[in-house]
Amino acid sequence: MLASEQGHSLLKFFPAELSGGIARLESYNAVFPDIKFIPTGGISEKNASSYLKLDNVSAIGASALIPSELIRSNSWKEIEDRLTKLKTTYLIS
């Protein structure tokens, strides 16, 4: 409520899954229709699309979508391919 009162309209929601996840964000939408969220923490390939379908979610943060070993090994082409697939899967523009 304080963030809304101070004029903020985009907030990080962390840890998303431990804080009630999709159900919590749905309830926030009813109370704060002018606030958009970026949930992080516990986002995976299994639940990412459910979060992205919410009206009050602008984006997600999910390190679990790209395995850290790909980053450590500089596998940039594979990372790019995975991100392209995710973009297509979740219809992110």
PDB file of N, CA and C in Angstrom:
ATOM      1  N   MET A   1       0.828  -1.172   0.000  1.00  0.00           N
ATOM      2  CA  MET A   1       0.000   0.000   0.000  1.00  0.00           C
ATOM      3  C   MET A   1       0.879   1.245   0.000  1.00  0.00           C
ATOM      4  N   LEU A   2       1.977   1.202   0.717  1.00  0.00           N
ATOM      5  CA  LEU A   2       2.879   2.341   0.757  1.00  0.00           C
ATOM      6  C   LEU A   2       3.463   2.617  -0.626  1.00  0.00           C
ATOM      7  N   ALA A   3       3.860   1.557  -1.329  1.00  0.00           N
ATOM      8  CA  ALA A   3       4.412   1.732  -2.676  1.00  0.00           C
ATOM      9  C   ALA A   3       3.390   2.396  -3.589  1.00  0.00           C
ATOM     10  N   SER A   4       2.151   1.970  -3.513  1.00  0.00           N
ATOM     11  CA  SER A   4       1.083   2.563  -4.318  1.00  0.00           C
ATOM     12  C   SER A   4       0.876   4.030  -3.939  1.00  0.00           C
ATOM     13  N   GLU A   5       0.850   4.314  -2.651  1.00  0.00           N
ATOM     14  CA  GLU A   5       0.675   5.689  -2.173  1.00  0.00           C
ATOM     15  C   GLU A   5       1.812   6.593  -2.638  1.00  0.00           C
ATOM     16  N   GLN A   6       2.996   6.031  -2.807  1.00  0.00           N
ATOM     17  CA  GLN A   6       4.153   6.811  -3.252  1.00  0.00           C
ATOM     18  C   GLN A   6       4.255   6.882  -4.772  1.00  0.00           C
ATOM     19  N   GLY A   7       3.264   6.342  -5.471  1.00  0.00           N
ATOM     20  CA  GLY A   7       3.213   6.471  -6.919  1.00  0.00           C
ATOM     21  C   GLY A   7       3.906   5.383  -7.714  1.00  0.00           C
ATOM     22  N   HIS A   8       4.315   4.318  -7.055  1.00  0.00           N
ATOM     23  CA  HIS A   8       4.976   3.224  -7.782  1.00  0.00           C
ATOM     24  C   HIS A   8       3.916   2.352  -8.448  1.00  0.00           C
ATOM     25  N   SER A   9       4.180   1.977  -9.678  1.00  0.00           N
ATOM     26  CA  SER A   9       3.207   1.149 -10.398  1.00  0.00           C
ATOM     27  C   SER A   9       3.789  -0.174 -10.875  1.00  0.00           C
ATOM     28  N   LEU A  10       5.070  -0.424 -10.641  1.00  0.00           N
ATOM     29  CA  LEU A  10       5.719  -1.682 -11.012  1.00  0.00           C
ATOM     30  C   LEU A  10       6.566  -2.136  -9.831  1.00  0.00           C
ATOM     31  N   LEU A  11       6.255  -3.329  -9.327  1.00  0.00           N
ATOM     32  CA  LEU A  11       6.938  -3.840  -8.139  1.00  0.00           C
ATOM     33  C   LEU A  11       7.459  -5.254  -8.358  1.00  0.00           C
ATOM     34  N   LYS A  12       8.594  -5.547  -7.748  1.00  0.00           N
ATOM     35  CA  LYS A  12       9.105  -6.915  -7.699  1.00  0.00           C
ATOM     36  C   LYS A  12       8.317  -7.675  -6.633  1.00  0.00           C
ATOM     37  N   PHE A  13       7.969  -8.915  -6.952  1.00  0.00           N
ATOM     38  CA  PHE A  13       7.251  -9.773  -6.007  1.00  0.00           C
ATOM     39  C   PHE A  13       8.139 -10.970  -5.712  1.00  0.00           C
ATOM     40  N   PHE A  14       8.836 -10.920  -4.576  1.00  0.00           N
ATOM     41  CA  PHE A  14       9.816 -11.942  -4.214  1.00  0.00           C
ATOM     42  C   PHE A  14       9.686 -12.271  -2.733  1.00  0.00           C
ATOM     43  N   PRO A  15       9.807 -13.517  -2.386  1.00  0.00           N
ATOM     44  CA  PRO A  15       9.867 -14.720  -3.227  1.00  0.00           C
ATOM     45  C   PRO A  15       8.449 -15.124  -3.640  1.00  0.00           C
ATOM     46  N   ALA A  16       8.220 -15.153  -4.901  1.00  0.00           N
ATOM     47  CA  ALA A  16       6.872 -15.346  -5.435  1.00  0.00           C
ATOM     48  C   ALA A  16       6.195 -16.616  -4.925  1.00  0.00           C
ATOM     49  N   GLU A  17       6.803 -17.737  -5.143  1.00  0.00           N
ATOM     50  CA  GLU A  17       6.157 -19.003  -4.767  1.00  0.00           C
ATOM     51  C   GLU A  17       5.966 -19.128  -3.263  1.00  0.00           C
ATOM     52  N   LEU A  18       6.947 -18.710  -2.484  1.00  0.00           N
ATOM     53  CA  LEU A  18       6.847 -18.795  -1.022  1.00  0.00           C
ATOM     54  C   LEU A  18       5.872 -17.770  -0.439  1.00  0.00           C
ATOM     55  N   SER A  19       5.517 -16.765  -1.235  1.00  0.00           N
ATOM     56  CA  SER A  19       4.617 -15.720  -0.758  1.00  0.00           C
ATOM     57  C   SER A  19       3.185 -15.895  -1.245  1.00  0.00           C
ATOM     58  N   GLY A  20       2.878 -17.052  -1.784  1.00  0.00           N
ATOM     59  CA  GLY A  20       1.509 -17.313  -2.213  1.00  0.00           C
ATOM     60  C   GLY A  20       1.327 -17.411  -3.711  1.00  0.00           C
ATOM     61  N   GLY A  21       2.370 -17.108  -4.458  1.00  0.00           N
ATOM     62  CA  GLY A  21       2.376 -17.323  -5.895  1.00  0.00           C
ATOM     63  C   GLY A  21       1.237 -16.685  -6.660  1.00  0.00           C
ATOM     64  N   ILE A  22       0.710 -17.453  -7.576  1.00  0.00           N
ATOM     65  CA  ILE A  22      -0.324 -16.987  -8.494  1.00  0.00           C
ATOM     66  C   ILE A  22      -1.579 -16.555  -7.740  1.00  0.00           C
ATOM     67  N   ALA A  23      -1.992 -17.310  -6.754  1.00  0.00           N
ATOM     68  CA  ALA A  23      -3.197 -16.952  -5.992  1.00  0.00           C
ATOM     69  C   ALA A  23      -3.028 -15.598  -5.307  1.00  0.00           C
ATOM     70  N   ARG A  24      -1.858 -15.340  -4.752  1.00  0.00           N
ATOM     71  CA  ARG A  24      -1.611 -14.056  -4.082  1.00  0.00           C
ATOM     72  C   ARG A  24      -1.662 -12.914  -5.100  1.00  0.00           C
ATOM     73  N   LEU A  25      -1.036 -13.109  -6.258  1.00  0.00           N
ATOM     74  CA  LEU A  25      -1.048 -12.059  -7.268  1.00  0.00           C
ATOM     75  C   LEU A  25      -2.463 -11.803  -7.794  1.00  0.00           C
ATOM     76  N   GLU A  26      -3.247 -12.852  -7.922  1.00  0.00           N
ATOM     77  CA  GLU A  26      -4.645 -12.672  -8.329  1.00  0.00           C
ATOM     78  C   GLU A  26      -5.398 -11.832  -7.307  1.00  0.00           C
ATOM     79  N   SER A  27      -5.153 -12.082  -6.041  1.00  0.00           N
ATOM     80  CA  SER A  27      -5.838 -11.296  -5.011  1.00  0.00           C
ATOM     81  C   SER A  27      -5.323  -9.855  -4.998  1.00  0.00           C
ATOM     82  N   TYR A  28      -4.051  -9.648  -5.250  1.00  0.00           N
ATOM     83  CA  TYR A  28      -3.511  -8.288  -5.324  1.00  0.00           C
ATOM     84  C   TYR A  28      -4.143  -7.507  -6.471  1.00  0.00           C
ATOM     85  N   ASN A  29      -4.449  -8.187  -7.567  1.00  0.00           N
ATOM     86  CA  ASN A  29      -5.042  -7.511  -8.718  1.00  0.00           C
ATOM     87  C   ASN A  29      -6.387  -6.886  -8.355  1.00  0.00           C
ATOM     88  N   ALA A  30      -7.129  -7.550  -7.498  1.00  0.00           N
ATOM     89  CA  ALA A  30      -8.428  -7.021  -7.077  1.00  0.00           C
ATOM     90  C   ALA A  30      -8.261  -5.780  -6.196  1.00  0.00           C
ATOM     91  N   VAL A  31      -7.207  -5.761  -5.404  1.00  0.00           N
ATOM     92  CA  VAL A  31      -6.991  -4.660  -4.460  1.00  0.00           C
ATOM     93  C   VAL A  31      -6.176  -3.522  -5.073  1.00  0.00           C
ATOM     94  N   PHE A  32      -5.213  -3.871  -5.919  1.00  0.00           N
ATOM     95  CA  PHE A  32      -4.316  -2.887  -6.531  1.00  0.00           C
ATOM     96  C   PHE A  32      -4.352  -3.011  -8.060  1.00  0.00           C
ATOM     97  N   PRO A  33      -5.442  -2.619  -8.706  1.00  0.00           N
ATOM     98  CA  PRO A  33      -5.552  -2.794 -10.156  1.00  0.00           C
ATOM     99  C   PRO A  33      -4.555  -1.945 -10.949  1.00  0.00           C
ATOM    100  N   ASP A  34      -3.968  -0.934 -10.320  1.00  0.00           N
ATOM    101  CA  ASP A  34      -3.015  -0.053 -10.998  1.00  0.00           C
ATOM    102  C   ASP A  34      -1.562  -0.502 -10.832  1.00  0.00           C
ATOM    103  N   ILE A  35      -1.326  -1.583 -10.109  1.00  0.00           N
ATOM    104  CA  ILE A  35       0.033  -2.071  -9.859  1.00  0.00           C
ATOM    105  C   ILE A  35       0.316  -3.299 -10.717  1.00  0.00           C
ATOM    106  N   LYS A  36       1.497  -3.310 -11.345  1.00  0.00           N
ATOM    107  CA  LYS A  36       1.996  -4.467 -12.083  1.00  0.00           C
ATOM    108  C   LYS A  36       3.166  -5.047 -11.292  1.00  0.00           C
ATOM    109  N   PHE A  37       3.366  -6.357 -11.428  1.00  0.00           N
ATOM    110  CA  PHE A  37       4.407  -7.046 -10.671  1.00  0.00           C
ATOM    111  C   PHE A  37       5.360  -7.796 -11.590  1.00  0.00           C
ATOM    112  N   ILE A  38       6.568  -7.979 -11.087  1.00  0.00           N
ATOM    113  CA  ILE A  38       7.557  -8.873 -11.697  1.00  0.00           C
ATOM    114  C   ILE A  38       7.881  -9.920 -10.637  1.00  0.00           C
ATOM    115  N   PRO A  39       7.205 -11.069 -10.708  1.00  0.00           N
ATOM    116  CA  PRO A  39       7.489 -12.114  -9.726  1.00  0.00           C
ATOM    117  C   PRO A  39       8.827 -12.795 -10.005  1.00  0.00           C
ATOM    118  N   THR A  40       9.546 -13.071  -8.926  1.00  0.00           N
ATOM    119  CA  THR A  40      10.797 -13.829  -8.986  1.00  0.00           C
ATOM    120  C   THR A  40      10.827 -14.759  -7.787  1.00  0.00           C
ATOM    121  N   GLY A  41      11.594 -15.802  -7.894  1.00  0.00           N
ATOM    122  CA  GLY A  41      11.715 -16.750  -6.790  1.00  0.00           C
ATOM    123  C   GLY A  41      10.734 -17.894  -6.919  1.00  0.00           C
ATOM    124  N   GLY A  42      11.221 -19.003  -7.395  1.00  0.00           N
ATOM    125  CA  GLY A  42      10.377 -20.182  -7.561  1.00  0.00           C
ATOM    126  C   GLY A  42       9.736 -20.294  -8.930  1.00  0.00           C
ATOM    127  N   ILE A  43      10.077 -19.380  -9.828  1.00  0.00           N
ATOM    128  CA  ILE A  43       9.534 -19.435 -11.185  1.00  0.00           C
ATOM    129  C   ILE A  43      10.314 -20.489 -11.967  1.00  0.00           C
ATOM    130  N   SER A  44       9.588 -21.353 -12.650  1.00  0.00           N
ATOM    131  CA  SER A  44      10.207 -22.437 -13.412  1.00  0.00           C
ATOM    132  C   SER A  44       9.488 -22.591 -14.745  1.00  0.00           C
ATOM    133  N   GLU A  45       9.984 -23.502 -15.559  1.00  0.00           N
ATOM    134  CA  GLU A  45       9.301 -23.775 -16.829  1.00  0.00           C
ATOM    135  C   GLU A  45       7.882 -24.272 -16.595  1.00  0.00           C
ATOM    136  N   LYS A  46       7.651 -24.929 -15.461  1.00  0.00           N
ATOM    137  CA  LYS A  46       6.325 -25.480 -15.168  1.00  0.00           C
ATOM    138  C   LYS A  46       5.296 -24.401 -14.840  1.00  0.00           C
ATOM    139  N   ASN A  47       5.708 -23.306 -14.211  1.00  0.00           N
ATOM    140  CA  ASN A  47       4.725 -22.312 -13.796  1.00  0.00           C
ATOM    141  C   ASN A  47       4.879 -20.951 -14.482  1.00  0.00           C
ATOM    142  N   ALA A  48       5.894 -20.776 -15.294  1.00  0.00           N
ATOM    143  CA  ALA A  48       6.148 -19.476 -15.925  1.00  0.00           C
ATOM    144  C   ALA A  48       4.956 -18.984 -16.737  1.00  0.00           C
ATOM    145  N   SER A  49       4.372 -19.837 -17.544  1.00  0.00           N
ATOM    146  CA  SER A  49       3.259 -19.386 -18.387  1.00  0.00           C
ATOM    147  C   SER A  49       2.056 -18.983 -17.545  1.00  0.00           C
ATOM    148  N   SER A  50       1.830 -19.639 -16.427  1.00  0.00           N
ATOM    149  CA  SER A  50       0.710 -19.270 -15.547  1.00  0.00           C
ATOM    150  C   SER A  50       0.911 -17.880 -14.967  1.00  0.00           C
ATOM    151  N   TYR A  51       2.135 -17.561 -14.607  1.00  0.00           N
ATOM    152  CA  TYR A  51       2.420 -16.213 -14.108  1.00  0.00           C
ATOM    153  C   TYR A  51       2.234 -15.183 -15.221  1.00  0.00           C
ATOM    154  N   LEU A  52       2.753 -15.479 -16.392  1.00  0.00           N
ATOM    155  CA  LEU A  52       2.700 -14.517 -17.487  1.00  0.00           C
ATOM    156  C   LEU A  52       1.281 -14.267 -17.997  1.00  0.00           C
ATOM    157  N   LYS A  53       0.367 -15.154 -17.710  1.00  0.00           N
ATOM    158  CA  LYS A  53      -1.024 -14.963 -18.118  1.00  0.00           C
ATOM    159  C   LYS A  53      -1.775 -13.999 -17.213  1.00  0.00           C
ATOM    160  N   LEU A  54      -1.230 -13.686 -16.057  1.00  0.00           N
ATOM    161  CA  LEU A  54      -1.906 -12.792 -15.119  1.00  0.00           C
ATOM    162  C   LEU A  54      -1.891 -11.356 -15.644  1.00  0.00           C
ATOM    163  N   ASP A  55      -3.010 -10.674 -15.498  1.00  0.00           N
ATOM    164  CA  ASP A  55      -3.132  -9.297 -15.973  1.00  0.00           C
ATOM    165  C   ASP A  55      -2.170  -8.343 -15.281  1.00  0.00           C
ATOM    166  N   ASN A  56      -1.819  -8.638 -14.043  1.00  0.00           N
ATOM    167  CA  ASN A  56      -0.968  -7.723 -13.293  1.00  0.00           C
ATOM    168  C   ASN A  56       0.498  -8.156 -13.245  1.00  0.00           C
ATOM    169  N   VAL A  57       0.906  -9.018 -14.170  1.00  0.00           N
ATOM    170  CA  VAL A  57       2.310  -9.422 -14.271  1.00  0.00           C
ATOM    171  C   VAL A  57       2.872  -8.885 -15.586  1.00  0.00           C
ATOM    172  N   SER A  58       3.926  -8.068 -15.466  1.00  0.00           N
ATOM    173  CA  SER A  58       4.560  -7.484 -16.649  1.00  0.00           C
ATOM    174  C   SER A  58       5.662  -8.372 -17.204  1.00  0.00           C
ATOM    175  N   ALA A  59       6.337  -9.079 -16.309  1.00  0.00           N
ATOM    176  CA  ALA A  59       7.467  -9.931 -16.694  1.00  0.00           C
ATOM    177  C   ALA A  59       7.730 -10.870 -15.524  1.00  0.00           C
ATOM    178  N   ILE A  60       8.601 -11.833 -15.744  1.00  0.00           N
ATOM    179  CA  ILE A  60       9.027 -12.732 -14.678  1.00  0.00           C
ATOM    180  C   ILE A  60      10.543 -12.711 -14.590  1.00  0.00           C
ATOM    181  N   GLY A  61      11.048 -13.034 -13.429  1.00  0.00           N
ATOM    182  CA  GLY A  61      12.477 -13.227 -13.248  1.00  0.00           C
ATOM    183  C   GLY A  61      12.690 -14.672 -12.850  1.00  0.00           C
ATOM    184  N   ALA A  62      13.535 -15.364 -13.585  1.00  0.00           N
ATOM    185  CA  ALA A  62      13.664 -16.795 -13.331  1.00  0.00           C
ATOM    186  C   ALA A  62      15.026 -17.313 -13.764  1.00  0.00           C
ATOM    187  N   SER A  63      15.956 -17.313 -12.846  1.00  0.00           N
ATOM    188  CA  SER A  63      17.272 -17.849 -13.184  1.00  0.00           C
ATOM    189  C   SER A  63      17.211 -19.338 -13.481  1.00  0.00           C
ATOM    190  N   ALA A  64      16.199 -20.018 -12.973  1.00  0.00           N
ATOM    191  CA  ALA A  64      16.080 -21.461 -13.196  1.00  0.00           C
ATOM    192  C   ALA A  64      15.786 -21.808 -14.655  1.00  0.00           C
ATOM    193  N   LEU A  65      15.371 -20.840 -15.448  1.00  0.00           N
ATOM    194  CA  LEU A  65      15.060 -21.118 -16.850  1.00  0.00           C
ATOM    195  C   LEU A  65      16.320 -21.321 -17.689  1.00  0.00           C
ATOM    196  N   ILE A  66      17.440 -20.789 -17.234  1.00  0.00           N
ATOM    197  CA  ILE A  66      18.718 -20.971 -17.921  1.00  0.00           C
ATOM    198  C   ILE A  66      19.694 -21.583 -16.920  1.00  0.00           C
ATOM    199  N   PRO A  67      20.068 -22.847 -17.131  1.00  0.00           N
ATOM    200  CA  PRO A  67      20.987 -23.505 -16.197  1.00  0.00           C
ATOM    201  C   PRO A  67      22.322 -22.757 -16.080  1.00  0.00           C
ATOM    202  N   SER A  68      22.793 -22.610 -14.866  1.00  0.00           N
ATOM    203  CA  SER A  68      24.029 -21.859 -14.627  1.00  0.00           C
ATOM    204  C   SER A  68      25.236 -22.474 -15.333  1.00  0.00           C
ATOM    205  N   GLU A  69      25.206 -23.781 -15.556  1.00  0.00           N
ATOM    206  CA  GLU A  69      26.355 -24.392 -16.251  1.00  0.00           C
ATOM    207  C   GLU A  69      26.485 -23.884 -17.683  1.00  0.00           C
ATOM    208  N   LEU A  70      25.367 -23.496 -18.306  1.00  0.00           N
ATOM    209  CA  LEU A  70      25.444 -22.925 -19.655  1.00  0.00           C
ATOM    210  C   LEU A  70      26.138 -21.571 -19.629  1.00  0.00           C
ATOM    211  N   ILE A  71      25.893 -20.805 -18.610  1.00  0.00           N
ATOM    212  CA  ILE A  71      26.553 -19.510 -18.478  1.00  0.00           C
ATOM    213  C   ILE A  71      28.032 -19.700 -18.183  1.00  0.00           C
ATOM    214  N   ARG A  72      28.333 -20.598 -17.240  1.00  0.00           N
ATOM    215  CA  ARG A  72      29.744 -20.848 -16.889  1.00  0.00           C
ATOM    216  C   ARG A  72      30.550 -21.351 -18.084  1.00  0.00           C
ATOM    217  N   SER A  73      29.911 -22.106 -18.962  1.00  0.00           N
ATOM    218  CA  SER A  73      30.639 -22.663 -20.107  1.00  0.00           C
ATOM    219  C   SER A  73      30.561 -21.767 -21.344  1.00  0.00           C
ATOM    220  N   ASN A  74      30.008 -20.554 -21.161  1.00  0.00           N
ATOM    221  CA  ASN A  74      29.886 -19.602 -22.273  1.00  0.00           C
ATOM    222  C   ASN A  74      29.131 -20.172 -23.460  1.00  0.00           C
ATOM    223  N   SER A  75      28.094 -20.940 -23.193  1.00  0.00           N
ATOM    224  CA  SER A  75      27.281 -21.563 -24.250  1.00  0.00           C
ATOM    225  C   SER A  75      26.203 -20.582 -24.723  1.00  0.00           C
ATOM    226  N   TRP A  76      26.664 -19.466 -25.271  1.00  0.00           N
ATOM    227  CA  TRP A  76      25.754 -18.372 -25.608  1.00  0.00           C
ATOM    228  C   TRP A  76      24.745 -18.745 -26.683  1.00  0.00           C
ATOM    229  N   LYS A  77      25.151 -19.537 -27.646  1.00  0.00           N
ATOM    230  CA  LYS A  77      24.222 -19.943 -28.705  1.00  0.00           C
ATOM    231  C   LYS A  77      23.095 -20.790 -28.112  1.00  0.00           C
ATOM    232  N   GLU A  78      23.415 -21.719 -27.242  1.00  0.00           N
ATOM    233  CA  GLU A  78      22.381 -22.544 -26.613  1.00  0.00           C
ATOM    234  C   GLU A  78      21.460 -21.698 -25.731  1.00  0.00           C
ATOM    235  N   ILE A  79      22.047 -20.731 -25.023  1.00  0.00           N
ATOM    236  CA  ILE A  79      21.238 -19.824 -24.202  1.00  0.00           C
ATOM    237  C   ILE A  79      20.296 -19.027 -25.100  1.00  0.00           C
ATOM    238  N   GLU A  80      20.828 -18.511 -26.182  1.00  0.00           N
ATOM    239  CA  GLU A  80      19.994 -17.752 -27.125  1.00  0.00           C
ATOM    240  C   GLU A  80      18.868 -18.628 -27.676  1.00  0.00           C
ATOM    241  N   ASP A  81      19.176 -19.860 -28.031  1.00  0.00           N
ATOM    242  CA  ASP A  81      18.156 -20.779 -28.542  1.00  0.00           C
ATOM    243  C   ASP A  81      17.071 -21.038 -27.500  1.00  0.00           C
ATOM    244  N   ARG A  82      17.473 -21.226 -26.253  1.00  0.00           N
ATOM    245  CA  ARG A  82      16.494 -21.455 -25.173  1.00  0.00           C
ATOM    246  C   ARG A  82      15.607 -20.230 -24.961  1.00  0.00           C
ATOM    247  N   LEU A  83      16.216 -19.054 -24.983  1.00  0.00           N
ATOM    248  CA  LEU A  83      15.438 -17.833 -24.801  1.00  0.00           C
ATOM    249  C   LEU A  83      14.475 -17.602 -25.964  1.00  0.00           C
ATOM    250  N   THR A  84      14.911 -17.923 -27.153  1.00  0.00           N
ATOM    251  CA  THR A  84      14.025 -17.804 -28.319  1.00  0.00           C
ATOM    252  C   THR A  84      12.852 -18.765 -28.178  1.00  0.00           C
ATOM    253  N   LYS A  85      13.120 -19.979 -27.718  1.00  0.00           N
ATOM    254  CA  LYS A  85      12.053 -20.953 -27.502  1.00  0.00           C
ATOM    255  C   LYS A  85      11.088 -20.459 -26.424  1.00  0.00           C
ATOM    256  N   LEU A  86      11.635 -19.927 -25.346  1.00  0.00           N
ATOM    257  CA  LEU A  86      10.787 -19.399 -24.269  1.00  0.00           C
ATOM    258  C   LEU A  86       9.933 -18.244 -24.774  1.00  0.00           C
ATOM    259  N   LYS A  87      10.522 -17.378 -25.560  1.00  0.00           N
ATOM    260  CA  LYS A  87       9.782 -16.240 -26.102  1.00  0.00           C
ATOM    261  C   LYS A  87       8.620 -16.735 -26.947  1.00  0.00           C
ATOM    262  N   THR A  88       8.861 -17.723 -27.771  1.00  0.00           N
ATOM    263  CA  THR A  88       7.816 -18.282 -28.618  1.00  0.00           C
ATOM    264  C   THR A  88       6.770 -19.006 -27.769  1.00  0.00           C
ATOM    265  N   THR A  89       7.203 -19.784 -26.807  1.00  0.00           N
ATOM    266  CA  THR A  89       6.302 -20.543 -25.946  1.00  0.00           C
ATOM    267  C   THR A  89       5.380 -19.636 -25.149  1.00  0.00           C
ATOM    268  N   TYR A  90       5.928 -18.556 -24.608  1.00  0.00           N
ATOM    269  CA  TYR A  90       5.150 -17.689 -23.734  1.00  0.00           C
ATOM    270  C   TYR A  90       4.627 -16.438 -24.444  1.00  0.00           C
ATOM    271  N   LEU A  91       4.859 -16.362 -25.744  1.00  0.00           N
ATOM    272  CA  LEU A  91       4.383 -15.239 -26.552  1.00  0.00           C
ATOM    273  C   LEU A  91       4.808 -13.894 -25.994  1.00  0.00           C
ATOM    274  N   ILE A  92       6.059 -13.806 -25.620  1.00  0.00           N
ATOM    275  CA  ILE A  92       6.607 -12.565 -25.097  1.00  0.00           C
ATOM    276  C   ILE A  92       7.017 -11.699 -26.276  1.00  0.00           C
ATOM    277  N   SER A  93       6.620 -10.448 -26.238  1.00  0.00           N
ATOM    278  CA  SER A  93       7.022  -9.552 -27.338  1.00  0.00           C
ATOM    279  C   SER A  93       7.999  -8.511 -26.861  1.00  0.00           C
TER     280      SER A  93
END
